[in-house]
Every structure is written in C-alpha cells, then in structure tokens.
Amino acid sequence: MIDILACPIDKNHPLELFESKAKEDIISEGALFCTKCSRFYPIIEEIPIMLPDELRDKKHEMEFLKNNKEALPEKIISKGKPWHL
C-alpha cells in the first residue's frame, strides 16, 4: 500500500515509512513522513491517518509523538509538521 500513498498537502510521493510496532511484517504503529513539506502522518492500529492539518487532532497526535519518541526519528519528533515535541 505504501507504493500508492502520497502526501495530501503537496502530493509528494513516495513517503518515508517508519515503524514503531510491527507484527508479522504488518506495521501496527508508526509514521509516514513527507520529505517535501516535513509533515508526518501517524499509523495507528495499522491505519495511516492522512488528514489535512485543519482536520487533525493535535491532542491525540501529541500523545502519539510522546508514546513513540524513542522509536521515531528526530525529524518527526522535534521538527515534524504540523506540530512536534
């Protein structure tokens, strides 16, 4: 599926994939990252949440970042858009 996903903001493709939890080659938690606009999109319960900024839940995503700060790269944790730690 990663081969067909593009950033909903700038349509950049391909996105970088980072996993924080996986089972049997299926990523249950992680993030997709757009190298063009520096936005990240969380993967929660195997589902990529790829919404435009105005529809994103800041509280929920900040908790996601806190819970995954050891598993995700610095460019997502401290510099990712639309928000970071």
N, C-alpha and C. Protein backbone atom coordinates (compact mmCIF):
# COMPACT_ATOMS: atom_id res chain seq x y z
N MET A 1 0.81 -1.19 0.00
CA MET A 1 0.00 0.00 0.00
C MET A 1 0.86 1.27 0.00
N ILE A 2 2.04 1.20 0.61
CA ILE A 2 2.92 2.37 0.69
C ILE A 2 3.26 2.89 -0.71
N ASP A 3 3.25 2.04 -1.69
CA ASP A 3 3.61 2.43 -3.05
C ASP A 3 2.61 3.39 -3.69
N ILE A 4 1.39 3.44 -3.18
CA ILE A 4 0.37 4.30 -3.80
C ILE A 4 0.03 5.54 -2.96
N LEU A 5 0.56 5.62 -1.73
CA LEU A 5 0.24 6.76 -0.87
C LEU A 5 1.06 7.99 -1.23
N ALA A 6 0.40 9.15 -1.18
CA ALA A 6 1.06 10.44 -1.43
C ALA A 6 0.60 11.42 -0.36
N CYS A 7 1.41 12.43 -0.12
CA CYS A 7 1.07 13.45 0.87
C CYS A 7 -0.19 14.19 0.42
N PRO A 8 -1.19 14.32 1.29
CA PRO A 8 -2.42 15.02 0.90
C PRO A 8 -2.23 16.53 0.74
N ILE A 9 -1.14 17.08 1.27
CA ILE A 9 -0.90 18.52 1.18
C ILE A 9 -0.23 18.90 -0.14
N ASP A 10 0.87 18.23 -0.48
CA ASP A 10 1.62 18.60 -1.69
C ASP A 10 1.73 17.48 -2.72
N LYS A 11 1.06 16.38 -2.48
CA LYS A 11 1.02 15.23 -3.41
C LYS A 11 2.37 14.57 -3.65
N ASN A 12 3.34 14.81 -2.75
CA ASN A 12 4.67 14.21 -2.87
C ASN A 12 4.58 12.70 -2.71
N HIS A 13 5.36 11.99 -3.51
CA HIS A 13 5.39 10.53 -3.50
C HIS A 13 6.80 10.10 -3.85
N PRO A 14 7.38 9.12 -3.25
CA PRO A 14 6.88 8.28 -2.16
C PRO A 14 7.14 8.94 -0.80
N LEU A 15 6.43 8.43 0.19
CA LEU A 15 6.60 8.87 1.57
C LEU A 15 7.56 7.93 2.28
N GLU A 16 8.28 8.46 3.26
CA GLU A 16 9.15 7.61 4.07
C GLU A 16 8.30 6.90 5.13
N LEU A 17 8.64 5.66 5.38
CA LEU A 17 7.90 4.85 6.34
C LEU A 17 8.79 4.53 7.53
N PHE A 18 8.26 4.77 8.74
CA PHE A 18 8.96 4.45 9.98
C PHE A 18 8.03 3.63 10.85
N GLU A 19 8.52 2.51 11.33
CA GLU A 19 7.67 1.66 12.18
C GLU A 19 8.13 1.74 13.63
N SER A 20 7.16 1.72 14.53
CA SER A 20 7.49 1.65 15.94
C SER A 20 6.99 0.33 16.55
N LYS A 21 5.96 -0.24 15.95
CA LYS A 21 5.47 -1.56 16.37
C LYS A 21 5.03 -2.32 15.12
N ALA A 22 5.44 -3.58 15.05
CA ALA A 22 5.06 -4.41 13.91
C ALA A 22 4.86 -5.85 14.36
N LYS A 23 3.96 -6.53 13.65
CA LYS A 23 3.73 -7.96 13.87
C LYS A 23 3.66 -8.64 12.52
N GLU A 24 4.52 -9.62 12.32
CA GLU A 24 4.49 -10.43 11.10
C GLU A 24 4.46 -9.57 9.83
N ASP A 25 5.40 -8.64 9.69
CA ASP A 25 5.52 -7.77 8.52
C ASP A 25 4.36 -6.80 8.32
N ILE A 26 3.52 -6.63 9.35
CA ILE A 26 2.43 -5.66 9.29
C ILE A 26 2.72 -4.58 10.33
N ILE A 27 2.78 -3.34 9.89
CA ILE A 27 3.07 -2.24 10.80
C ILE A 27 1.79 -1.86 11.54
N SER A 28 1.80 -2.06 12.84
CA SER A 28 0.61 -1.72 13.64
C SER A 28 0.69 -0.30 14.15
N GLU A 29 1.92 0.24 14.29
CA GLU A 29 2.10 1.62 14.72
C GLU A 29 3.38 2.16 14.13
N GLY A 30 3.33 3.42 13.69
CA GLY A 30 4.49 4.06 13.10
C GLY A 30 4.09 5.39 12.50
N ALA A 31 4.83 5.82 11.48
CA ALA A 31 4.54 7.10 10.86
C ALA A 31 5.00 7.12 9.41
N LEU A 32 4.30 7.90 8.61
CA LEU A 32 4.71 8.22 7.25
C LEU A 32 5.22 9.65 7.28
N PHE A 33 6.25 9.95 6.49
CA PHE A 33 6.87 11.27 6.51
C PHE A 33 7.05 11.78 5.09
N CYS A 34 6.61 13.02 4.86
CA CYS A 34 6.78 13.66 3.57
C CYS A 34 8.07 14.47 3.59
N THR A 35 9.02 14.13 2.75
CA THR A 35 10.30 14.84 2.72
C THR A 35 10.19 16.22 2.10
N LYS A 36 9.14 16.49 1.36
CA LYS A 36 8.97 17.79 0.71
C LYS A 36 8.43 18.85 1.69
N CYS A 37 7.40 18.53 2.46
CA CYS A 37 6.80 19.52 3.36
C CYS A 37 7.07 19.24 4.84
N SER A 38 7.76 18.15 5.15
CA SER A 38 8.13 17.75 6.52
C SER A 38 6.94 17.41 7.41
N ARG A 39 5.83 17.00 6.81
CA ARG A 39 4.68 16.58 7.61
C ARG A 39 4.78 15.08 7.88
N PHE A 40 4.31 14.71 9.08
CA PHE A 40 4.22 13.30 9.41
C PHE A 40 2.75 12.91 9.50
N TYR A 41 2.50 11.65 9.26
CA TYR A 41 1.15 11.10 9.37
C TYR A 41 1.25 9.82 10.19
N PRO A 42 0.58 9.78 11.35
CA PRO A 42 0.70 8.61 12.21
C PRO A 42 0.01 7.38 11.61
N ILE A 43 0.56 6.23 11.94
CA ILE A 43 -0.08 4.95 11.63
C ILE A 43 -0.51 4.39 12.97
N ILE A 44 -1.81 4.20 13.14
CA ILE A 44 -2.36 3.72 14.41
C ILE A 44 -3.27 2.54 14.10
N GLU A 45 -3.01 1.42 14.77
CA GLU A 45 -3.76 0.18 14.56
C GLU A 45 -3.81 -0.19 13.08
N GLU A 46 -2.63 -0.11 12.43
CA GLU A 46 -2.41 -0.48 11.04
C GLU A 46 -3.01 0.50 10.03
N ILE A 47 -3.57 1.63 10.48
CA ILE A 47 -4.25 2.57 9.58
C ILE A 47 -3.48 3.89 9.53
N PRO A 48 -3.02 4.30 8.35
CA PRO A 48 -2.39 5.61 8.23
C PRO A 48 -3.45 6.72 8.32
N ILE A 49 -3.22 7.69 9.20
CA ILE A 49 -4.15 8.80 9.39
C ILE A 49 -3.61 9.97 8.57
N MET A 50 -4.13 10.14 7.37
CA MET A 50 -3.58 11.12 6.43
C MET A 50 -4.60 12.22 6.15
N LEU A 51 -4.78 13.09 7.14
CA LEU A 51 -5.74 14.17 7.04
C LEU A 51 -5.02 15.51 6.83
N PRO A 52 -5.70 16.48 6.20
CA PRO A 52 -5.11 17.81 6.12
C PRO A 52 -5.03 18.42 7.52
N ASP A 53 -4.15 19.40 7.68
CA ASP A 53 -3.87 19.98 9.00
C ASP A 53 -5.12 20.40 9.77
N GLU A 54 -6.05 21.03 9.10
CA GLU A 54 -7.23 21.55 9.81
C GLU A 54 -8.15 20.47 10.37
N LEU A 55 -7.99 19.24 9.93
CA LEU A 55 -8.82 18.13 10.43
C LEU A 55 -8.08 17.23 11.42
N ARG A 56 -6.82 17.53 11.67
CA ARG A 56 -6.01 16.69 12.56
C ARG A 56 -6.30 17.02 14.02
N ASP A 57 -6.19 16.00 14.87
CA ASP A 57 -6.43 16.13 16.30
C ASP A 57 -5.09 16.32 17.02
N LYS A 58 -4.78 17.56 17.37
CA LYS A 58 -3.48 17.88 17.95
C LYS A 58 -3.22 17.11 19.24
N LYS A 59 -4.18 17.06 20.13
CA LYS A 59 -4.01 16.37 21.40
C LYS A 59 -3.67 14.89 21.18
N HIS A 60 -4.40 14.26 20.32
CA HIS A 60 -4.19 12.84 20.02
C HIS A 60 -2.82 12.60 19.39
N GLU A 61 -2.42 13.46 18.46
CA GLU A 61 -1.14 13.28 17.78
C GLU A 61 0.05 13.63 18.68
N MET A 62 -0.11 14.60 19.59
CA MET A 62 0.96 14.91 20.53
C MET A 62 1.19 13.71 21.47
N GLU A 63 0.12 13.06 21.86
CA GLU A 63 0.25 11.86 22.68
C GLU A 63 0.94 10.75 21.89
N PHE A 64 0.60 10.61 20.61
CA PHE A 64 1.25 9.64 19.74
C PHE A 64 2.76 9.91 19.69
N LEU A 65 3.15 11.17 19.53
CA LEU A 65 4.58 11.52 19.48
C LEU A 65 5.27 11.20 20.80
N LYS A 66 4.65 11.52 21.92
CA LYS A 66 5.24 11.22 23.23
C LYS A 66 5.42 9.71 23.42
N ASN A 67 4.42 8.94 23.01
CA ASN A 67 4.49 7.49 23.17
C ASN A 67 5.51 6.84 22.24
N ASN A 68 5.86 7.49 21.15
CA ASN A 68 6.76 6.89 20.16
C ASN A 68 8.07 7.65 19.99
N LYS A 69 8.41 8.52 20.93
CA LYS A 69 9.59 9.37 20.76
C LYS A 69 10.90 8.58 20.70
N GLU A 70 10.94 7.40 21.25
CA GLU A 70 12.16 6.56 21.18
C GLU A 70 12.25 5.80 19.86
N ALA A 71 11.13 5.53 19.23
CA ALA A 71 11.12 4.70 18.03
C ALA A 71 11.14 5.50 16.72
N LEU A 72 10.72 6.75 16.76
CA LEU A 72 10.65 7.56 15.55
C LEU A 72 11.86 8.48 15.43
N PRO A 73 12.23 8.86 14.21
CA PRO A 73 13.42 9.72 14.04
C PRO A 73 13.21 11.14 14.54
N GLU A 74 14.32 11.80 14.78
CA GLU A 74 14.32 13.18 15.29
C GLU A 74 13.56 14.13 14.37
N LYS A 75 13.64 13.92 13.05
CA LYS A 75 12.98 14.83 12.11
C LYS A 75 11.46 14.82 12.27
N ILE A 76 10.91 13.77 12.82
CA ILE A 76 9.48 13.72 13.11
C ILE A 76 9.20 14.26 14.51
N ILE A 77 9.95 13.77 15.48
CA ILE A 77 9.71 14.13 16.88
C ILE A 77 9.92 15.61 17.16
N SER A 78 11.00 16.19 16.67
CA SER A 78 11.30 17.58 17.04
C SER A 78 11.13 18.60 15.92
N LYS A 79 10.87 18.14 14.68
CA LYS A 79 10.76 19.09 13.57
C LYS A 79 9.56 18.85 12.66
N GLY A 80 8.82 17.78 12.91
CA GLY A 80 7.69 17.43 12.04
C GLY A 80 6.58 18.47 12.09
N LYS A 81 5.86 18.56 11.00
CA LYS A 81 4.71 19.46 10.91
C LYS A 81 3.44 18.63 10.94
N PRO A 82 2.33 19.12 11.36
CA PRO A 82 2.04 20.48 11.76
C PRO A 82 2.47 20.81 13.19
N TRP A 83 2.88 19.82 13.99
CA TRP A 83 3.36 20.08 15.34
C TRP A 83 4.40 19.03 15.71
N HIS A 84 5.15 19.31 16.76
CA HIS A 84 6.20 18.40 17.21
C HIS A 84 6.45 18.64 18.69
N LEU A 85 7.26 17.77 19.29
CA LEU A 85 7.55 17.90 20.72
C LEU A 85 8.57 18.99 20.96
